[in-house]
Amino acid sequence: MDYKQLLDSITPEIYQRFQKAVEIGKWPDGRELSEEQKSLCMQAIIAYDQRNPEADRTGYVPPKDSACAPDTQPKPLKWDH
């Protein structure tokens, strides 16, 4: 199986399992990921993400229109007694 075939075989369910495994450091059956497995899962997650629109990728943060939104002006604090 070549690289493209491997990526084509990754389903959304497998992708989510890879993400969860990297997040918690374990496979769904409780076995720990080795450093090599973690690295390979990360590579698969990144490669899979590259095939999707940017807004659907892991960790995507949409750009802001400006550094400060107009409604974020400082407001006075209200103290409750």
C-alpha atoms as a PDB file:
ATOM      1  CA  MET A   1       0.000   0.000   0.000  1.00  0.00           C
ATOM      2  CA  ASP A   2       1.437   3.357  -0.961  1.00  0.00           C
ATOM      3  CA  TYR A   3       1.056   6.666   0.884  1.00  0.00           C
ATOM      4  CA  LYS A   4      -1.966   7.867  -1.145  1.00  0.00           C
ATOM      5  CA  GLN A   5      -3.806   4.566  -0.688  1.00  0.00           C
ATOM      6  CA  LEU A   6      -3.103   4.703   3.018  1.00  0.00           C
ATOM      7  CA  LEU A   7      -4.551   8.220   3.290  1.00  0.00           C
ATOM      8  CA  ASP A   8      -7.563   7.186   1.200  1.00  0.00           C
ATOM      9  CA  SER A   9      -8.252   4.369   3.669  1.00  0.00           C
ATOM     10  CA  ILE A  10      -8.516   6.740   6.660  1.00  0.00           C
ATOM     11  CA  THR A  11     -12.176   7.230   7.473  1.00  0.00           C
ATOM     12  CA  PRO A  12     -13.531  10.035   9.654  1.00  0.00           C
ATOM     13  CA  GLU A  13     -13.960   7.458  12.444  1.00  0.00           C
ATOM     14  CA  ILE A  14     -10.318   6.364  12.220  1.00  0.00           C
ATOM     15  CA  TYR A  15      -9.248  10.019  12.122  1.00  0.00           C
ATOM     16  CA  GLN A  16     -11.200  10.690  15.338  1.00  0.00           C
ATOM     17  CA  ARG A  17      -9.651   7.621  16.997  1.00  0.00           C
ATOM     18  CA  PHE A  18      -6.173   8.857  16.069  1.00  0.00           C
ATOM     19  CA  GLN A  19      -6.972  12.286  17.510  1.00  0.00           C
ATOM     20  CA  LYS A  20      -8.294  10.809  20.766  1.00  0.00           C
ATOM     21  CA  ALA A  21      -5.356   8.396  21.038  1.00  0.00           C
ATOM     22  CA  VAL A  22      -2.842  11.229  20.678  1.00  0.00           C
ATOM     23  CA  GLU A  23      -4.831  13.389  23.096  1.00  0.00           C
ATOM     24  CA  ILE A  24      -4.944  10.834  25.925  1.00  0.00           C
ATOM     25  CA  GLY A  25      -1.876   8.769  24.983  1.00  0.00           C
ATOM     26  CA  LYS A  26      -3.830   5.510  24.782  1.00  0.00           C
ATOM     27  CA  TRP A  27      -5.676   3.392  22.249  1.00  0.00           C
ATOM     28  CA  PRO A  28      -9.416   2.774  22.789  1.00  0.00           C
ATOM     29  CA  ASP A  29      -8.567  -0.621  24.366  1.00  0.00           C
ATOM     30  CA  GLY A  30      -6.375   1.067  27.010  1.00  0.00           C
ATOM     31  CA  ARG A  31      -2.924   0.210  25.626  1.00  0.00           C
ATOM     32  CA  GLU A  32      -0.478   3.114  25.704  1.00  0.00           C
ATOM     33  CA  LEU A  33       0.809   4.659  22.473  1.00  0.00           C
ATOM     34  CA  SER A  34       4.521   4.316  21.878  1.00  0.00           C
ATOM     35  CA  GLU A  35       6.407   7.430  20.798  1.00  0.00           C
ATOM     36  CA  GLU A  36       6.571   5.999  17.265  1.00  0.00           C
ATOM     37  CA  GLN A  37       2.808   5.379  17.199  1.00  0.00           C
ATOM     38  CA  LYS A  38       2.145   8.875  18.493  1.00  0.00           C
ATOM     39  CA  SER A  39       4.372  10.336  15.770  1.00  0.00           C
ATOM     40  CA  LEU A  40       2.689   8.266  13.046  1.00  0.00           C
ATOM     41  CA  CYS A  41      -0.784   9.205  14.288  1.00  0.00           C
ATOM     42  CA  MET A  42       0.171  12.886  14.272  1.00  0.00           C
ATOM     43  CA  GLN A  43       1.463  12.571  10.715  1.00  0.00           C
ATOM     44  CA  ALA A  44      -1.779  10.857   9.660  1.00  0.00           C
ATOM     45  CA  ILE A  45      -3.882  13.561  11.363  1.00  0.00           C
ATOM     46  CA  ILE A  46      -1.947  16.336   9.617  1.00  0.00           C
ATOM     47  CA  ALA A  47      -2.069  14.599   6.219  1.00  0.00           C
ATOM     48  CA  TYR A  48      -5.797  13.915   6.596  1.00  0.00           C
ATOM     49  CA  ASP A  49      -6.419  17.545   7.599  1.00  0.00           C
ATOM     50  CA  GLN A  50      -4.602  18.790   4.501  1.00  0.00           C
ATOM     51  CA  ARG A  51      -7.261  17.114   2.361  1.00  0.00           C
ATOM     52  CA  ASN A  52     -10.049  19.138   3.992  1.00  0.00           C
ATOM     53  CA  PRO A  53     -10.954  22.834   3.773  1.00  0.00           C
ATOM     54  CA  GLU A  54      -8.856  24.989   6.080  1.00  0.00           C
ATOM     55  CA  ALA A  55     -11.808  25.828   8.359  1.00  0.00           C
ATOM     56  CA  ASP A  56     -12.375  22.091   9.049  1.00  0.00           C
ATOM     57  CA  ARG A  57      -8.805  21.375  10.134  1.00  0.00           C
ATOM     58  CA  THR A  58      -7.681  20.556  13.651  1.00  0.00           C
ATOM     59  CA  GLY A  59      -6.699  23.682  15.565  1.00  0.00           C
ATOM     60  CA  TYR A  60      -8.061  26.132  12.974  1.00  0.00           C
ATOM     61  CA  VAL A  61      -8.702  29.603  14.350  1.00  0.00           C
ATOM     62  CA  PRO A  62     -10.443  31.985  11.952  1.00  0.00           C
ATOM     63  CA  PRO A  63      -8.692  35.291  11.378  1.00  0.00           C
ATOM     64  CA  LYS A  64     -10.095  38.385  13.043  1.00  0.00           C
ATOM     65  CA  ASP A  65     -11.202  41.375  10.975  1.00  0.00           C
ATOM     66  CA  SER A  66      -9.159  43.666  13.191  1.00  0.00           C
ATOM     67  CA  ALA A  67      -6.950  43.399  16.227  1.00  0.00           C
ATOM     68  CA  CYS A  68      -9.649  44.926  18.419  1.00  0.00           C
ATOM     69  CA  ALA A  69     -13.313  44.416  17.724  1.00  0.00           C
ATOM     70  CA  PRO A  70     -15.372  47.609  18.061  1.00  0.00           C
ATOM     71  CA  ASP A  71     -17.525  46.213  20.880  1.00  0.00           C
ATOM     72  CA  THR A  72     -14.563  45.316  23.095  1.00  0.00           C
ATOM     73  CA  GLN A  73     -14.085  48.778  24.574  1.00  0.00           C
ATOM     74  CA  PRO A  74     -13.260  48.696  28.290  1.00  0.00           C
ATOM     75  CA  LYS A  75     -16.338  48.903  30.474  1.00  0.00           C
ATOM     76  CA  PRO A  76     -16.410  50.014  34.087  1.00  0.00           C
ATOM     77  CA  LEU A  77     -16.463  47.253  36.676  1.00  0.00           C
ATOM     78  CA  LYS A  78     -19.626  46.797  38.711  1.00  0.00           C
ATOM     79  CA  TRP A  79     -19.016  45.616  42.240  1.00  0.00           C
ATOM     80  CA  ASP A  80     -21.676  43.568  43.988  1.00  0.00           C
ATOM     81  CA  HIS A  81     -21.920  43.818  47.761  1.00  0.00           C
END
